[in-house]
């Protein structure tokens, strides 16, 4: 498949038109090749993930997070240098679908809403008109109604089927029952006030800051940036496997940089 066709297919789900102004979505590292017979997807373009993708003969790589938000000279042998070295040596391009994916609530970024079967959906922070007629506005985070009231334990048990919650944390008052749920994959604690204003009793996101947790008026579940977006990227991979067949498309899993504290 031509790389131009491959990237165009990705941009149907993660259009560059909805990227945040500060973001670096799109082509990160070019290559001389113009076609690819296999595509790897990963959350972070770390040297380890790139190496594993290349070992499985990937001829193009799509990551969720950009290689860097502020390009700099590769003037020291760090992870940035090693990622570039691996890509250049293999002549493999790297493309990032970052806020372009996050801001499309109709795509994999809405996986939590889909998993919990939320209805009456609204976007927590709209940033652009809908991508198609009768769709939700483009933007970050979702809030909606559960099919029936659920306890916090029931909700976390469902979430644990998909992501590792071993480093997660709860903040704010614990509800007796949840009927309206807000969620935002990745780092969405800045949307807490929006979730409160939309009537949510629970907000699931990652990277909750201390003062956000301290002031939380509703229950706030920091489920971890890695787990929430790893699952989002995996679901993007599943969609592309179907969309780009017979192109070989595979996912490169990774581990959270955080780990539970264990006393020896």
C-alpha atoms as a PDB file:
ATOM      1  CA  UNK A   1       0.000   0.000   0.000  1.00  0.00           C
ATOM      2  CA  UNK A   2       1.213   3.502  -0.758  1.00  0.00           C
ATOM      3  CA  UNK A   3       2.164   5.436   2.359  1.00  0.00           C
ATOM      4  CA  UNK A   4       0.006   8.345   1.262  1.00  0.00           C
ATOM      5  CA  UNK A   5      -3.019   6.028   1.193  1.00  0.00           C
ATOM      6  CA  UNK A   6      -2.111   4.548   4.561  1.00  0.00           C
ATOM      7  CA  UNK A   7      -1.800   7.955   6.246  1.00  0.00           C
ATOM      8  CA  UNK A   8      -5.025   9.136   4.607  1.00  0.00           C
ATOM      9  CA  UNK A   9      -6.817   6.120   6.079  1.00  0.00           C
ATOM     10  CA  UNK A  10      -5.525   6.981   9.555  1.00  0.00           C
ATOM     11  CA  UNK A  11      -6.641  10.594   9.130  1.00  0.00           C
ATOM     12  CA  UNK A  12     -10.222   9.482   8.555  1.00  0.00           C
ATOM     13  CA  UNK A  13     -10.246   8.562  12.246  1.00  0.00           C
ATOM     14  CA  UNK A  14      -7.628  11.078  13.408  1.00  0.00           C
ATOM     15  CA  UNK A  15      -7.969  14.128  11.112  1.00  0.00           C
ATOM     16  CA  UNK A  16      -5.211  16.715  11.265  1.00  0.00           C
ATOM     17  CA  UNK A  17      -7.844  19.474  11.196  1.00  0.00           C
ATOM     18  CA  UNK A  18      -8.722  18.857  14.869  1.00  0.00           C
ATOM     19  CA  UNK A  19      -5.167  18.719  16.240  1.00  0.00           C
ATOM     20  CA  UNK A  20      -4.450  21.020  19.182  1.00  0.00           C
ATOM     21  CA  UNK A  21      -2.362  24.074  18.301  1.00  0.00           C
ATOM     22  CA  UNK A  22       0.495  22.915  20.544  1.00  0.00           C
ATOM     23  CA  UNK A  23       0.512  19.359  19.190  1.00  0.00           C
ATOM     24  CA  UNK A  24       2.845  17.629  16.736  1.00  0.00           C
ATOM     25  CA  UNK A  25       0.518  15.063  15.158  1.00  0.00           C
ATOM     26  CA  UNK A  26       1.231  13.803  11.669  1.00  0.00           C
ATOM     27  CA  UNK A  27       4.386  12.565  10.011  1.00  0.00           C
ATOM     28  CA  UNK A  28       7.231  12.559  12.517  1.00  0.00           C
ATOM     29  CA  UNK A  29      10.051  10.918  10.582  1.00  0.00           C
ATOM     30  CA  UNK A  30      10.011  10.445   6.820  1.00  0.00           C
ATOM     31  CA  UNK A  31      11.639   7.707   4.778  1.00  0.00           C
ATOM     32  CA  UNK A  32      12.718   7.053   1.192  1.00  0.00           C
ATOM     33  CA  UNK A  33      10.166   4.293   0.795  1.00  0.00           C
ATOM     34  CA  UNK A  34       6.787   5.128  -0.714  1.00  0.00           C
ATOM     35  CA  UNK A  35       4.941   1.889   0.068  1.00  0.00           C
ATOM     36  CA  UNK A  36       4.541  -0.445   3.044  1.00  0.00           C
ATOM     37  CA  UNK A  37       3.301  -4.006   3.339  1.00  0.00           C
ATOM     38  CA  UNK A  38       3.082  -4.009   7.158  1.00  0.00           C
ATOM     39  CA  UNK A  39       2.125  -1.425   9.766  1.00  0.00           C
ATOM     40  CA  UNK A  40       2.856  -1.420  13.496  1.00  0.00           C
ATOM     41  CA  UNK A  41       0.970   0.626  16.072  1.00  0.00           C
ATOM     42  CA  UNK A  42       2.243   1.556  19.523  1.00  0.00           C
ATOM     43  CA  UNK A  43       1.438   4.004  22.282  1.00  0.00           C
ATOM     44  CA  UNK A  44       4.885   5.573  22.611  1.00  0.00           C
ATOM     45  CA  UNK A  45       7.656   5.688  19.981  1.00  0.00           C
ATOM     46  CA  UNK A  46      10.288   4.497  22.440  1.00  0.00           C
ATOM     47  CA  UNK A  47      13.382   2.718  21.170  1.00  0.00           C
ATOM     48  CA  UNK A  48      12.041  -0.509  22.661  1.00  0.00           C
ATOM     49  CA  UNK A  49       8.680  -0.270  20.857  1.00  0.00           C
ATOM     50  CA  UNK A  50      10.344   0.738  17.581  1.00  0.00           C
ATOM     51  CA  UNK A  51      12.834  -2.116  17.870  1.00  0.00           C
ATOM     52  CA  UNK A  52      10.059  -4.645  18.513  1.00  0.00           C
ATOM     53  CA  UNK A  53       8.083  -3.305  15.556  1.00  0.00           C
ATOM     54  CA  UNK A  54      11.095  -3.613  13.276  1.00  0.00           C
ATOM     55  CA  UNK A  55      11.816  -7.134  14.511  1.00  0.00           C
ATOM     56  CA  UNK A  56       8.344  -8.047  13.240  1.00  0.00           C
ATOM     57  CA  UNK A  57       9.190  -6.484   9.857  1.00  0.00           C
ATOM     58  CA  UNK A  58       7.120  -3.318  10.190  1.00  0.00           C
ATOM     59  CA  UNK A  59       7.593  -1.031   7.201  1.00  0.00           C
ATOM     60  CA  UNK A  60       5.674   1.858   8.787  1.00  0.00           C
ATOM     61  CA  UNK A  61       4.973   2.756  12.420  1.00  0.00           C
ATOM     62  CA  UNK A  62       2.103   4.753  13.891  1.00  0.00           C
ATOM     63  CA  UNK A  63       2.341   5.880  17.500  1.00  0.00           C
ATOM     64  CA  UNK A  64      -0.190   7.777  19.566  1.00  0.00           C
ATOM     65  CA  UNK A  65       2.305  10.046  21.294  1.00  0.00           C
ATOM     66  CA  UNK A  66       4.646  12.114  19.113  1.00  0.00           C
ATOM     67  CA  UNK A  67       8.364  11.432  19.075  1.00  0.00           C
ATOM     68  CA  UNK A  68       8.778  14.878  20.623  1.00  0.00           C
ATOM     69  CA  UNK A  69       6.694  18.008  20.967  1.00  0.00           C
ATOM     70  CA  UNK A  70       9.770  20.224  20.670  1.00  0.00           C
ATOM     71  CA  UNK A  71      12.178  18.895  18.019  1.00  0.00           C
ATOM     72  CA  UNK A  72      15.825  19.297  18.909  1.00  0.00           C
ATOM     73  CA  UNK A  73      19.221  18.294  17.588  1.00  0.00           C
ATOM     74  CA  UNK A  74      20.082  14.639  18.322  1.00  0.00           C
ATOM     75  CA  UNK A  75      23.313  15.756  19.949  1.00  0.00           C
ATOM     76  CA  UNK A  76      23.516  13.143  22.704  1.00  0.00           C
ATOM     77  CA  UNK A  77      22.927   9.360  22.764  1.00  0.00           C
ATOM     78  CA  UNK A  78      19.533   9.406  24.506  1.00  0.00           C
ATOM     79  CA  UNK A  79      16.203   7.734  23.701  1.00  0.00           C
ATOM     80  CA  UNK A  80      15.394  10.410  21.102  1.00  0.00           C
ATOM     81  CA  UNK A  81      18.676   9.738  19.287  1.00  0.00           C
ATOM     82  CA  UNK A  82      18.184   5.968  19.463  1.00  0.00           C
ATOM     83  CA  UNK A  83      14.625   6.165  18.096  1.00  0.00           C
ATOM     84  CA  UNK A  84      15.852   8.248  15.152  1.00  0.00           C
ATOM     85  CA  UNK A  85      18.804   5.924  14.574  1.00  0.00           C
ATOM     86  CA  UNK A  86      16.558   2.847  14.412  1.00  0.00           C
ATOM     87  CA  UNK A  87      14.076   4.498  12.045  1.00  0.00           C
ATOM     88  CA  UNK A  88      16.741   5.883   9.720  1.00  0.00           C
ATOM     89  CA  UNK A  89      18.666   2.595   9.624  1.00  0.00           C
ATOM     90  CA  UNK A  90      15.517   0.677   8.646  1.00  0.00           C
ATOM     91  CA  UNK A  91      14.208   3.464   6.390  1.00  0.00           C
ATOM     92  CA  UNK A  92      10.837   3.237   8.156  1.00  0.00           C
ATOM     93  CA  UNK A  93       8.535   6.266   8.602  1.00  0.00           C
ATOM     94  CA  UNK A  94       6.939   7.240  11.906  1.00  0.00           C
ATOM     95  CA  UNK A  95       3.502   8.872  12.063  1.00  0.00           C
ATOM     96  CA  UNK A  96       1.774  10.127  15.244  1.00  0.00           C
ATOM     97  CA  UNK A  97      -1.986  10.346  15.807  1.00  0.00           C
ATOM     98  CA  UNK A  98      -2.053  12.307  19.057  1.00  0.00           C
ATOM     99  CA  UNK A  99      -4.694  14.965  19.766  1.00  0.00           C
ATOM    100  CA  UNK A 100      -6.077  14.173  16.312  1.00  0.00           C
ATOM    101  CA  UNK A 101      -7.196  10.873  17.852  1.00  0.00           C
ATOM    102  CA  UNK A 102      -7.996  12.245  21.332  1.00  0.00           C
ATOM    103  CA  UNK A 103     -10.389  14.875  19.967  1.00  0.00           C
ATOM    104  CA  UNK A 104     -12.543  12.499  17.909  1.00  0.00           C
ATOM    105  CA  UNK A 105     -15.147  11.182  20.381  1.00  0.00           C
ATOM    106  CA  UNK A 106     -16.636   8.961  17.676  1.00  0.00           C
ATOM    107  CA  UNK A 107     -13.355   7.014  17.383  1.00  0.00           C
ATOM    108  CA  UNK A 108     -11.271   4.894  19.773  1.00  0.00           C
ATOM    109  CA  UNK A 109     -10.985   7.853  22.181  1.00  0.00           C
ATOM    110  CA  UNK A 110     -14.573   7.066  23.133  1.00  0.00           C
ATOM    111  CA  UNK A 111     -13.825   3.506  24.168  1.00  0.00           C
ATOM    112  CA  UNK A 112     -14.798   4.049  27.815  1.00  0.00           C
ATOM    113  CA  UNK A 113     -18.181   5.451  26.823  1.00  0.00           C
ATOM    114  CA  UNK A 114     -18.646   2.482  24.510  1.00  0.00           C
ATOM    115  CA  UNK A 115     -17.590  -0.027  27.158  1.00  0.00           C
ATOM    116  CA  UNK A 116     -19.976   1.386  29.755  1.00  0.00           C
ATOM    117  CA  UNK A 117     -22.767   1.782  27.160  1.00  0.00           C
ATOM    118  CA  UNK A 118     -23.276   5.455  27.985  1.00  0.00           C
ATOM    119  CA  UNK A 119     -26.253   7.248  26.474  1.00  0.00           C
ATOM    120  CA  UNK A 120     -27.136  10.932  26.090  1.00  0.00           C
ATOM    121  CA  UNK A 121     -23.480  11.598  25.325  1.00  0.00           C
ATOM    122  CA  UNK A 122     -21.977  15.069  25.420  1.00  0.00           C
ATOM    123  CA  UNK A 123     -18.395  16.219  24.843  1.00  0.00           C
ATOM    124  CA  UNK A 124     -16.782  17.734  27.929  1.00  0.00           C
ATOM    125  CA  UNK A 125     -14.661  20.228  25.994  1.00  0.00           C
ATOM    126  CA  UNK A 126     -15.809  20.820  22.409  1.00  0.00           C
ATOM    127  CA  UNK A 127     -13.148  22.380  20.173  1.00  0.00           C
ATOM    128  CA  UNK A 128     -14.537  22.041  16.642  1.00  0.00           C
ATOM    129  CA  UNK A 129     -17.734  21.167  14.742  1.00  0.00           C
ATOM    130  CA  UNK A 130     -18.672  17.505  14.187  1.00  0.00           C
ATOM    131  CA  UNK A 131     -16.608  15.619  11.618  1.00  0.00           C
ATOM    132  CA  UNK A 132     -19.787  14.353   9.972  1.00  0.00           C
ATOM    133  CA  UNK A 133     -23.501  15.032  10.091  1.00  0.00           C
ATOM    134  CA  UNK A 134     -25.277  13.893  13.271  1.00  0.00           C
ATOM    135  CA  UNK A 135     -21.952  13.212  15.033  1.00  0.00           C
ATOM    136  CA  UNK A 136     -20.739  14.652  18.314  1.00  0.00           C
ATOM    137  CA  UNK A 137     -18.604  17.814  18.195  1.00  0.00           C
ATOM    138  CA  UNK A 138     -14.858  17.257  18.060  1.00  0.00           C
ATOM    139  CA  UNK A 139     -13.311  17.697  21.476  1.00  0.00           C
ATOM    140  CA  UNK A 140     -11.941  16.100  24.611  1.00  0.00           C
ATOM    141  CA  UNK A 141     -13.741  13.858  27.091  1.00  0.00           C
ATOM    142  CA  UNK A 142     -17.276  12.512  27.244  1.00  0.00           C
ATOM    143  CA  UNK A 143     -20.095  12.370  29.761  1.00  0.00           C
ATOM    144  CA  UNK A 144     -23.192  10.235  29.602  1.00  0.00           C
ATOM    145  CA  UNK A 145     -25.755   8.166  31.473  1.00  0.00           C
ATOM    146  CA  UNK A 146     -25.202   4.569  32.519  1.00  0.00           C
ATOM    147  CA  UNK A 147     -27.920   2.054  31.519  1.00  0.00           C
ATOM    148  CA  UNK A 148     -28.590   1.517  35.228  1.00  0.00           C
ATOM    149  CA  UNK A 149     -27.035   2.721  38.504  1.00  0.00           C
ATOM    150  CA  UNK A 150     -23.724   1.055  39.298  1.00  0.00           C
ATOM    151  CA  UNK A 151     -21.530   1.023  42.367  1.00  0.00           C
ATOM    152  CA  UNK A 152     -17.965   2.256  42.240  1.00  0.00           C
ATOM    153  CA  UNK A 153     -16.853  -1.335  42.767  1.00  0.00           C
ATOM    154  CA  UNK A 154     -18.850  -2.544  39.767  1.00  0.00           C
ATOM    155  CA  UNK A 155     -17.392   0.186  37.563  1.00  0.00           C
ATOM    156  CA  UNK A 156     -13.791  -0.478  38.605  1.00  0.00           C
ATOM    157  CA  UNK A 157     -14.327  -4.208  38.113  1.00  0.00           C
ATOM    158  CA  UNK A 158     -15.425  -3.574  34.517  1.00  0.00           C
ATOM    159  CA  UNK A 159     -12.487  -1.238  33.952  1.00  0.00           C
ATOM    160  CA  UNK A 160     -10.050  -3.810  35.351  1.00  0.00           C
ATOM    161  CA  UNK A 161     -11.037  -6.230  32.568  1.00  0.00           C
ATOM    162  CA  UNK A 162      -9.285  -3.923  30.101  1.00  0.00           C
ATOM    163  CA  UNK A 163      -6.488  -2.090  31.930  1.00  0.00           C
ATOM    164  CA  UNK A 164      -4.140  -2.572  34.870  1.00  0.00           C
ATOM    165  CA  UNK A 165      -5.422  -0.579  37.849  1.00  0.00           C
ATOM    166  CA  UNK A 166      -2.571  -1.458  40.216  1.00  0.00           C
ATOM    167  CA  UNK A 167      -1.260   2.130  40.253  1.00  0.00           C
ATOM    168  CA  UNK A 168      -4.660   3.847  40.089  1.00  0.00           C
ATOM    169  CA  UNK A 169      -5.984   6.203  42.775  1.00  0.00           C
ATOM    170  CA  UNK A 170      -9.324   7.567  43.952  1.00  0.00           C
ATOM    171  CA  UNK A 171      -9.921  11.176  44.939  1.00  0.00           C
ATOM    172  CA  UNK A 172     -12.947  13.061  46.222  1.00  0.00           C
ATOM    173  CA  UNK A 173     -16.128  11.650  47.787  1.00  0.00           C
ATOM    174  CA  UNK A 174     -17.098   8.090  46.913  1.00  0.00           C
ATOM    175  CA  UNK A 175     -20.643   7.911  45.512  1.00  0.00           C
ATOM    176  CA  UNK A 176     -23.183   5.396  46.775  1.00  0.00           C
ATOM    177  CA  UNK A 177     -24.220   4.816  43.174  1.00  0.00           C
ATOM    178  CA  UNK A 178     -23.213   6.232  39.808  1.00  0.00           C
ATOM    179  CA  UNK A 179     -25.820   7.068  37.191  1.00  0.00           C
ATOM    180  CA  UNK A 180     -23.863   9.616  35.144  1.00  0.00           C
ATOM    181  CA  UNK A 181     -20.233   8.997  34.229  1.00  0.00           C
ATOM    182  CA  UNK A 182     -17.583  11.271  32.710  1.00  0.00           C
ATOM    183  CA  UNK A 183     -14.374  10.016  31.142  1.00  0.00           C
ATOM    184  CA  UNK A 184     -11.318  11.240  29.279  1.00  0.00           C
ATOM    185  CA  UNK A 185      -8.465   9.016  28.164  1.00  0.00           C
ATOM    186  CA  UNK A 186      -4.956  10.281  28.862  1.00  0.00           C
ATOM    187  CA  UNK A 187      -4.491  13.417  30.935  1.00  0.00           C
ATOM    188  CA  UNK A 188      -7.891  15.004  31.472  1.00  0.00           C
ATOM    189  CA  UNK A 189      -7.967  16.279  35.040  1.00  0.00           C
ATOM    190  CA  UNK A 190      -8.342  19.855  33.748  1.00  0.00           C
ATOM    191  CA  UNK A 191     -11.839  18.815  32.617  1.00  0.00           C
ATOM    192  CA  UNK A 192     -13.034  17.987  36.125  1.00  0.00           C
ATOM    193  CA  UNK A 193     -15.064  21.189  36.455  1.00  0.00           C
ATOM    194  CA  UNK A 194     -16.753  20.414  33.131  1.00  0.00           C
ATOM    195  CA  UNK A 195     -17.630  16.938  34.423  1.00  0.00           C
ATOM    196  CA  UNK A 196     -19.114  18.428  37.605  1.00  0.00           C
ATOM    197  CA  UNK A 197     -21.147  20.940  35.622  1.00  0.00           C
ATOM    198  CA  UNK A 198     -22.476  18.131  33.420  1.00  0.00           C
ATOM    199  CA  UNK A 199     -23.817  16.261  36.457  1.00  0.00           C
ATOM    200  CA  UNK A 200     -21.310  13.387  36.599  1.00  0.00           C
ATOM    201  CA  UNK A 201     -20.870  11.537  39.897  1.00  0.00           C
ATOM    202  CA  UNK A 202     -17.628   9.895  38.725  1.00  0.00           C
ATOM    203  CA  UNK A 203     -14.873  11.056  36.380  1.00  0.00           C
ATOM    204  CA  UNK A 204     -12.362   8.540  34.993  1.00  0.00           C
ATOM    205  CA  UNK A 205      -9.119   9.914  33.557  1.00  0.00           C
ATOM    206  CA  UNK A 206      -5.355   9.898  34.110  1.00  0.00           C
ATOM    207  CA  UNK A 207      -2.574  12.112  35.495  1.00  0.00           C
ATOM    208  CA  UNK A 208      -4.607  13.797  38.224  1.00  0.00           C
ATOM    209  CA  UNK A 209      -2.662  16.603  39.893  1.00  0.00           C
ATOM    210  CA  UNK A 210      -2.524  17.045  43.659  1.00  0.00           C
ATOM    211  CA  UNK A 211      -4.539  20.269  43.863  1.00  0.00           C
ATOM    212  CA  UNK A 212      -7.118  18.871  41.447  1.00  0.00           C
ATOM    213  CA  UNK A 213      -7.521  15.851  43.730  1.00  0.00           C
ATOM    214  CA  UNK A 214      -7.678  18.090  46.806  1.00  0.00           C
ATOM    215  CA  UNK A 215     -10.506  20.191  45.374  1.00  0.00           C
ATOM    216  CA  UNK A 216     -12.461  17.337  43.752  1.00  0.00           C
ATOM    217  CA  UNK A 217     -16.208  17.764  44.368  1.00  0.00           C
ATOM    218  CA  UNK A 218     -17.070  14.407  42.811  1.00  0.00           C
ATOM    219  CA  UNK A 219     -15.312  11.065  42.770  1.00  0.00           C
ATOM    220  CA  UNK A 220     -12.259  11.148  40.544  1.00  0.00           C
ATOM    221  CA  UNK A 221     -10.591   7.930  39.421  1.00  0.00           C
ATOM    222  CA  UNK A 222      -7.032   8.341  38.166  1.00  0.00           C
ATOM    223  CA  UNK A 223      -6.851   5.109  36.192  1.00  0.00           C
ATOM    224  CA  UNK A 224      -3.467   5.931  34.675  1.00  0.00           C
ATOM    225  CA  UNK A 225      -2.487   7.677  31.465  1.00  0.00           C
ATOM    226  CA  UNK A 226      -0.746   4.611  30.064  1.00  0.00           C
ATOM    227  CA  UNK A 227      -3.522   2.071  30.522  1.00  0.00           C
ATOM    228  CA  UNK A 228      -6.311   4.256  29.170  1.00  0.00           C
ATOM    229  CA  UNK A 229      -4.398   5.266  26.043  1.00  0.00           C
ATOM    230  CA  UNK A 230      -2.792   1.865  25.497  1.00  0.00           C
ATOM    231  CA  UNK A 231      -6.299   0.423  25.187  1.00  0.00           C
ATOM    232  CA  UNK A 232      -7.342   3.293  22.911  1.00  0.00           C
ATOM    233  CA  UNK A 233      -4.374   2.638  20.611  1.00  0.00           C
ATOM    234  CA  UNK A 234      -5.063  -1.096  20.608  1.00  0.00           C
ATOM    235  CA  UNK A 235      -8.614  -0.407  19.466  1.00  0.00           C
ATOM    236  CA  UNK A 236      -7.314   1.905  16.754  1.00  0.00           C
ATOM    237  CA  UNK A 237      -5.194  -1.023  15.590  1.00  0.00           C
ATOM    238  CA  UNK A 238      -8.222  -3.323  15.458  1.00  0.00           C
ATOM    239  CA  UNK A 239     -10.092  -0.801  13.330  1.00  0.00           C
ATOM    240  CA  UNK A 240      -7.176  -0.378  10.933  1.00  0.00           C
ATOM    241  CA  UNK A 241      -6.772  -4.141  10.597  1.00  0.00           C
ATOM    242  CA  UNK A 242     -10.273  -4.247   9.169  1.00  0.00           C
ATOM    243  CA  UNK A 243     -10.005  -1.014   7.208  1.00  0.00           C
ATOM    244  CA  UNK A 244      -6.611  -1.709   5.601  1.00  0.00           C
ATOM    245  CA  UNK A 245      -6.910  -5.446   4.870  1.00  0.00           C
ATOM    246  CA  UNK A 246      -5.023  -7.240   3.381  1.00  0.00           C
ATOM    247  CA  UNK A 247      -2.215  -5.007   4.728  1.00  0.00           C
ATOM    248  CA  UNK A 248      -0.561  -6.575   7.775  1.00  0.00           C
ATOM    249  CA  UNK A 249      -1.397  -4.401  10.798  1.00  0.00           C
ATOM    250  CA  UNK A 250      -0.267  -5.322  14.308  1.00  0.00           C
ATOM    251  CA  UNK A 251      -0.060  -3.804  17.797  1.00  0.00           C
ATOM    252  CA  UNK A 252       3.105  -3.488  19.880  1.00  0.00           C
ATOM    253  CA  UNK A 253       2.081  -3.576  23.563  1.00  0.00           C
ATOM    254  CA  UNK A 254       4.041  -1.741  26.225  1.00  0.00           C
ATOM    255  CA  UNK A 255       4.249  -1.463  30.009  1.00  0.00           C
ATOM    256  CA  UNK A 256       3.433   1.533  32.152  1.00  0.00           C
ATOM    257  CA  UNK A 257       6.477   3.482  33.346  1.00  0.00           C
ATOM    258  CA  UNK A 258       4.780   3.483  36.760  1.00  0.00           C
ATOM    259  CA  UNK A 259       4.774   0.404  38.935  1.00  0.00           C
ATOM    260  CA  UNK A 260       3.295  -0.434  42.352  1.00  0.00           C
ATOM    261  CA  UNK A 261       5.493   0.249  45.338  1.00  0.00           C
ATOM    262  CA  UNK A 262       6.678  -3.026  46.859  1.00  0.00           C
ATOM    263  CA  UNK A 263       8.576  -3.055  50.137  1.00  0.00           C
ATOM    264  CA  UNK A 264      11.373  -5.609  50.212  1.00  0.00           C
END
